[in-house]
Amino acid sequence: MFLEIVTPEKVLLSTEVTSVTVPGVNGEFQMLDNHAAIVSILEKGLVKIEGDFTLEDEVKEAFETTKNNTYQLSIKGGVLELKNNKAIILAD
């Protein structure tokens, strides 16, 4: 699936990923390829991203690398839209 993470300051990520796990209002949930369309409010927590990609130098400090091809981004909240294998996260 294609994932884009946007903050008020800049686009942090725009790439193909294997999966993304987000902190939803009713708990954490994961999305993979061909997930049903969804719009969700995100709460404070970690966005966990798995995939074979390289972070750009100017955004590396925003992410934590946890293991092979897994990254975490701490957010204060936001909104997620997933449709046709493209996820967009507008995050604080």
N, C-alpha and C. Protein backbone atom coordinates (compact mmCIF):
# COMPACT_ATOMS: atom_id res chain seq x y z
N MET A 1 0.84 -1.17 0.00
CA MET A 1 0.00 0.00 0.00
C MET A 1 0.89 1.24 0.00
N PHE A 2 0.35 2.34 -0.44
CA PHE A 2 1.09 3.59 -0.47
C PHE A 2 0.70 4.39 0.77
N LEU A 3 1.69 4.93 1.48
CA LEU A 3 1.44 5.69 2.71
C LEU A 3 2.04 7.08 2.59
N GLU A 4 1.25 8.06 2.97
CA GLU A 4 1.73 9.44 3.04
C GLU A 4 1.41 9.96 4.44
N ILE A 5 2.42 10.51 5.12
CA ILE A 5 2.24 11.11 6.44
C ILE A 5 2.57 12.59 6.31
N VAL A 6 1.58 13.42 6.64
CA VAL A 6 1.71 14.86 6.48
C VAL A 6 1.49 15.54 7.83
N THR A 7 2.38 16.48 8.18
CA THR A 7 2.21 17.31 9.37
C THR A 7 2.04 18.75 8.91
N PRO A 8 1.69 19.65 9.82
CA PRO A 8 1.59 21.06 9.42
C PRO A 8 2.90 21.62 8.87
N GLU A 9 4.03 21.04 9.27
CA GLU A 9 5.33 21.54 8.85
C GLU A 9 5.79 20.98 7.51
N LYS A 10 5.55 19.67 7.27
CA LYS A 10 6.09 19.05 6.05
C LYS A 10 5.50 17.66 5.83
N VAL A 11 5.80 17.11 4.68
CA VAL A 11 5.48 15.72 4.38
C VAL A 11 6.61 14.87 4.95
N LEU A 12 6.28 14.01 5.91
CA LEU A 12 7.31 13.18 6.54
C LEU A 12 7.60 11.91 5.77
N LEU A 13 6.59 11.37 5.10
CA LEU A 13 6.77 10.10 4.42
C LEU A 13 5.83 10.02 3.24
N SER A 14 6.31 9.50 2.14
CA SER A 14 5.49 9.30 0.94
C SER A 14 6.11 8.13 0.18
N THR A 15 5.64 6.90 0.49
CA THR A 15 6.29 5.71 -0.06
C THR A 15 5.38 4.49 0.04
N GLU A 16 5.80 3.42 -0.63
CA GLU A 16 5.13 2.13 -0.50
C GLU A 16 5.55 1.48 0.82
N VAL A 17 4.58 0.88 1.53
CA VAL A 17 4.86 0.19 2.79
C VAL A 17 4.16 -1.17 2.78
N THR A 18 4.59 -2.03 3.68
CA THR A 18 3.96 -3.34 3.83
C THR A 18 2.72 -3.26 4.71
N SER A 19 2.85 -2.53 5.83
CA SER A 19 1.72 -2.36 6.74
C SER A 19 1.90 -1.10 7.56
N VAL A 20 0.80 -0.62 8.12
CA VAL A 20 0.84 0.52 9.03
C VAL A 20 -0.14 0.25 10.17
N THR A 21 0.32 0.51 11.39
CA THR A 21 -0.49 0.35 12.59
C THR A 21 -0.64 1.72 13.22
N VAL A 22 -1.88 2.08 13.57
CA VAL A 22 -2.15 3.43 14.06
C VAL A 22 -2.92 3.39 15.38
N PRO A 23 -2.81 4.47 16.19
CA PRO A 23 -3.55 4.55 17.45
C PRO A 23 -4.95 5.14 17.24
N GLY A 24 -5.93 4.30 17.03
CA GLY A 24 -7.30 4.76 16.82
C GLY A 24 -7.99 5.11 18.13
N VAL A 25 -9.15 5.72 18.03
CA VAL A 25 -9.93 6.12 19.21
C VAL A 25 -10.30 4.91 20.06
N ASN A 26 -10.60 3.79 19.42
CA ASN A 26 -11.00 2.58 20.14
C ASN A 26 -9.86 1.58 20.26
N GLY A 27 -8.64 2.04 20.09
CA GLY A 27 -7.48 1.16 20.21
C GLY A 27 -6.68 1.11 18.92
N GLU A 28 -5.56 0.44 19.02
CA GLU A 28 -4.63 0.32 17.90
C GLU A 28 -5.19 -0.62 16.84
N PHE A 29 -4.99 -0.27 15.56
CA PHE A 29 -5.38 -1.18 14.48
C PHE A 29 -4.38 -1.12 13.34
N GLN A 30 -4.31 -2.23 12.61
CA GLN A 30 -3.32 -2.38 11.54
C GLN A 30 -4.02 -2.47 10.19
N MET A 31 -3.37 -1.91 9.17
CA MET A 31 -3.87 -1.98 7.80
C MET A 31 -2.81 -2.59 6.90
N LEU A 32 -3.26 -3.48 6.03
CA LEU A 32 -2.41 -4.13 5.04
C LEU A 32 -2.96 -3.83 3.65
N ASP A 33 -2.30 -4.33 2.61
CA ASP A 33 -2.82 -4.17 1.25
C ASP A 33 -4.26 -4.66 1.17
N ASN A 34 -5.05 -4.00 0.35
CA ASN A 34 -6.44 -4.36 0.08
C ASN A 34 -7.37 -4.26 1.29
N HIS A 35 -7.00 -3.44 2.27
CA HIS A 35 -7.86 -3.17 3.42
C HIS A 35 -9.09 -2.40 2.94
N ALA A 36 -10.20 -2.60 3.58
CA ALA A 36 -11.42 -1.86 3.25
C ALA A 36 -11.19 -0.37 3.47
N ALA A 37 -11.88 0.45 2.71
CA ALA A 37 -11.77 1.90 2.87
C ALA A 37 -12.18 2.30 4.28
N ILE A 38 -11.47 3.29 4.84
CA ILE A 38 -11.73 3.72 6.21
C ILE A 38 -11.30 5.17 6.38
N VAL A 39 -12.03 5.88 7.24
CA VAL A 39 -11.63 7.20 7.72
C VAL A 39 -11.69 7.10 9.23
N SER A 40 -10.63 7.53 9.92
CA SER A 40 -10.59 7.37 11.37
C SER A 40 -9.86 8.54 12.02
N ILE A 41 -10.33 8.90 13.21
CA ILE A 41 -9.62 9.87 14.04
C ILE A 41 -8.52 9.12 14.79
N LEU A 42 -7.35 9.71 14.86
CA LEU A 42 -6.23 9.10 15.56
C LEU A 42 -5.97 9.82 16.87
N GLU A 43 -5.60 9.05 17.88
CA GLU A 43 -5.27 9.60 19.18
C GLU A 43 -3.75 9.64 19.36
N LYS A 44 -3.33 10.21 20.48
CA LYS A 44 -1.91 10.26 20.81
C LYS A 44 -1.36 8.83 20.89
N GLY A 45 -0.22 8.62 20.25
CA GLY A 45 0.39 7.30 20.28
C GLY A 45 1.41 7.13 19.19
N LEU A 46 1.68 5.88 18.86
CA LEU A 46 2.71 5.56 17.87
C LEU A 46 2.10 5.05 16.58
N VAL A 47 2.59 5.58 15.46
CA VAL A 47 2.30 5.03 14.14
C VAL A 47 3.46 4.09 13.84
N LYS A 48 3.14 2.82 13.60
CA LYS A 48 4.16 1.80 13.34
C LYS A 48 4.10 1.43 11.86
N ILE A 49 5.23 1.55 11.19
CA ILE A 49 5.29 1.37 9.74
C ILE A 49 6.28 0.26 9.42
N GLU A 50 5.83 -0.70 8.62
CA GLU A 50 6.71 -1.77 8.15
C GLU A 50 6.83 -1.69 6.64
N GLY A 51 8.05 -1.86 6.14
CA GLY A 51 8.26 -1.82 4.70
C GLY A 51 9.72 -1.72 4.35
N ASP A 52 10.01 -1.93 3.10
CA ASP A 52 11.38 -1.88 2.60
C ASP A 52 11.59 -0.53 1.91
N PHE A 53 11.90 0.48 2.70
CA PHE A 53 12.11 1.83 2.18
C PHE A 53 13.18 2.52 3.01
N THR A 54 13.69 3.62 2.50
CA THR A 54 14.70 4.40 3.20
C THR A 54 14.14 5.78 3.52
N LEU A 55 14.31 6.20 4.76
CA LEU A 55 13.85 7.53 5.16
C LEU A 55 14.79 8.59 4.60
N GLU A 56 14.22 9.71 4.19
CA GLU A 56 15.04 10.83 3.72
C GLU A 56 15.74 11.46 4.92
N ASP A 57 16.95 11.98 4.69
CA ASP A 57 17.77 12.54 5.77
C ASP A 57 17.05 13.60 6.59
N GLU A 58 16.27 14.46 5.94
CA GLU A 58 15.64 15.57 6.66
C GLU A 58 14.49 15.15 7.57
N VAL A 59 14.05 13.88 7.51
CA VAL A 59 12.95 13.44 8.38
C VAL A 59 13.36 12.30 9.32
N LYS A 60 14.58 11.81 9.21
CA LYS A 60 15.02 10.68 10.02
C LYS A 60 14.85 10.91 11.52
N GLU A 61 15.08 12.14 11.96
CA GLU A 61 15.01 12.43 13.40
C GLU A 61 13.60 12.28 13.96
N ALA A 62 12.58 12.33 13.12
CA ALA A 62 11.20 12.20 13.58
C ALA A 62 10.82 10.75 13.86
N PHE A 63 11.56 9.80 13.28
CA PHE A 63 11.22 8.38 13.38
C PHE A 63 12.18 7.64 14.28
N GLU A 64 11.68 6.56 14.87
CA GLU A 64 12.52 5.65 15.64
C GLU A 64 12.53 4.32 14.88
N THR A 65 13.71 3.75 14.69
CA THR A 65 13.82 2.44 14.05
C THR A 65 13.79 1.39 15.14
N THR A 66 12.86 0.42 15.04
CA THR A 66 12.72 -0.57 16.10
C THR A 66 13.34 -1.91 15.74
N LYS A 67 13.24 -2.33 14.49
CA LYS A 67 13.89 -3.56 14.01
C LYS A 67 13.95 -3.48 12.51
N ASN A 68 14.37 -4.52 11.86
CA ASN A 68 14.52 -4.49 10.40
C ASN A 68 13.24 -4.01 9.72
N ASN A 69 13.38 -2.94 8.95
CA ASN A 69 12.29 -2.41 8.14
C ASN A 69 11.05 -2.01 8.94
N THR A 70 11.23 -1.66 10.22
CA THR A 70 10.12 -1.19 11.05
C THR A 70 10.48 0.15 11.66
N TYR A 71 9.58 1.11 11.50
CA TYR A 71 9.79 2.47 12.01
C TYR A 71 8.59 2.88 12.84
N GLN A 72 8.83 3.77 13.82
CA GLN A 72 7.75 4.31 14.64
C GLN A 72 7.80 5.82 14.61
N LEU A 73 6.61 6.42 14.61
CA LEU A 73 6.47 7.87 14.65
C LEU A 73 5.49 8.21 15.76
N SER A 74 5.90 9.05 16.69
CA SER A 74 5.03 9.49 17.77
C SER A 74 4.16 10.64 17.28
N ILE A 75 2.83 10.52 17.48
CA ILE A 75 1.92 11.60 17.09
C ILE A 75 1.07 12.02 18.29
N LYS A 76 0.57 13.24 18.24
CA LYS A 76 -0.32 13.76 19.28
C LYS A 76 -1.78 13.53 18.92
N GLY A 77 -2.04 13.19 17.67
CA GLY A 77 -3.39 12.97 17.18
C GLY A 77 -3.40 13.19 15.69
N GLY A 78 -4.57 12.99 15.08
CA GLY A 78 -4.65 13.22 13.65
C GLY A 78 -5.86 12.55 13.02
N VAL A 79 -5.80 12.43 11.71
CA VAL A 79 -6.87 11.81 10.93
C VAL A 79 -6.23 10.89 9.89
N LEU A 80 -6.88 9.76 9.65
CA LEU A 80 -6.41 8.80 8.66
C LEU A 80 -7.50 8.57 7.63
N GLU A 81 -7.10 8.51 6.36
CA GLU A 81 -7.99 8.05 5.31
C GLU A 81 -7.26 6.97 4.52
N LEU A 82 -7.94 5.85 4.30
CA LEU A 82 -7.40 4.77 3.47
C LEU A 82 -8.43 4.43 2.42
N LYS A 83 -8.00 4.47 1.17
CA LYS A 83 -8.90 4.15 0.05
C LYS A 83 -8.04 3.69 -1.12
N ASN A 84 -8.44 2.59 -1.74
CA ASN A 84 -7.74 2.06 -2.92
C ASN A 84 -6.24 1.88 -2.68
N ASN A 85 -5.89 1.29 -1.54
CA ASN A 85 -4.49 1.02 -1.18
C ASN A 85 -3.63 2.26 -1.04
N LYS A 86 -4.23 3.42 -0.76
CA LYS A 86 -3.48 4.63 -0.47
C LYS A 86 -3.96 5.18 0.87
N ALA A 87 -3.04 5.25 1.83
CA ALA A 87 -3.35 5.78 3.15
C ALA A 87 -2.71 7.15 3.30
N ILE A 88 -3.49 8.08 3.82
CA ILE A 88 -2.99 9.42 4.11
C ILE A 88 -3.24 9.69 5.59
N ILE A 89 -2.18 10.04 6.30
CA ILE A 89 -2.29 10.40 7.71
C ILE A 89 -1.95 11.88 7.83
N LEU A 90 -2.91 12.65 8.36
CA LEU A 90 -2.67 14.05 8.70
C LEU A 90 -2.43 14.05 10.20
N ALA A 91 -1.20 14.32 10.61
CA ALA A 91 -0.80 14.14 12.01
C ALA A 91 -0.32 15.43 12.64
N ASP A 92 -0.52 15.51 13.96
CA ASP A 92 0.04 16.60 14.77
C ASP A 92 1.31 16.12 15.41
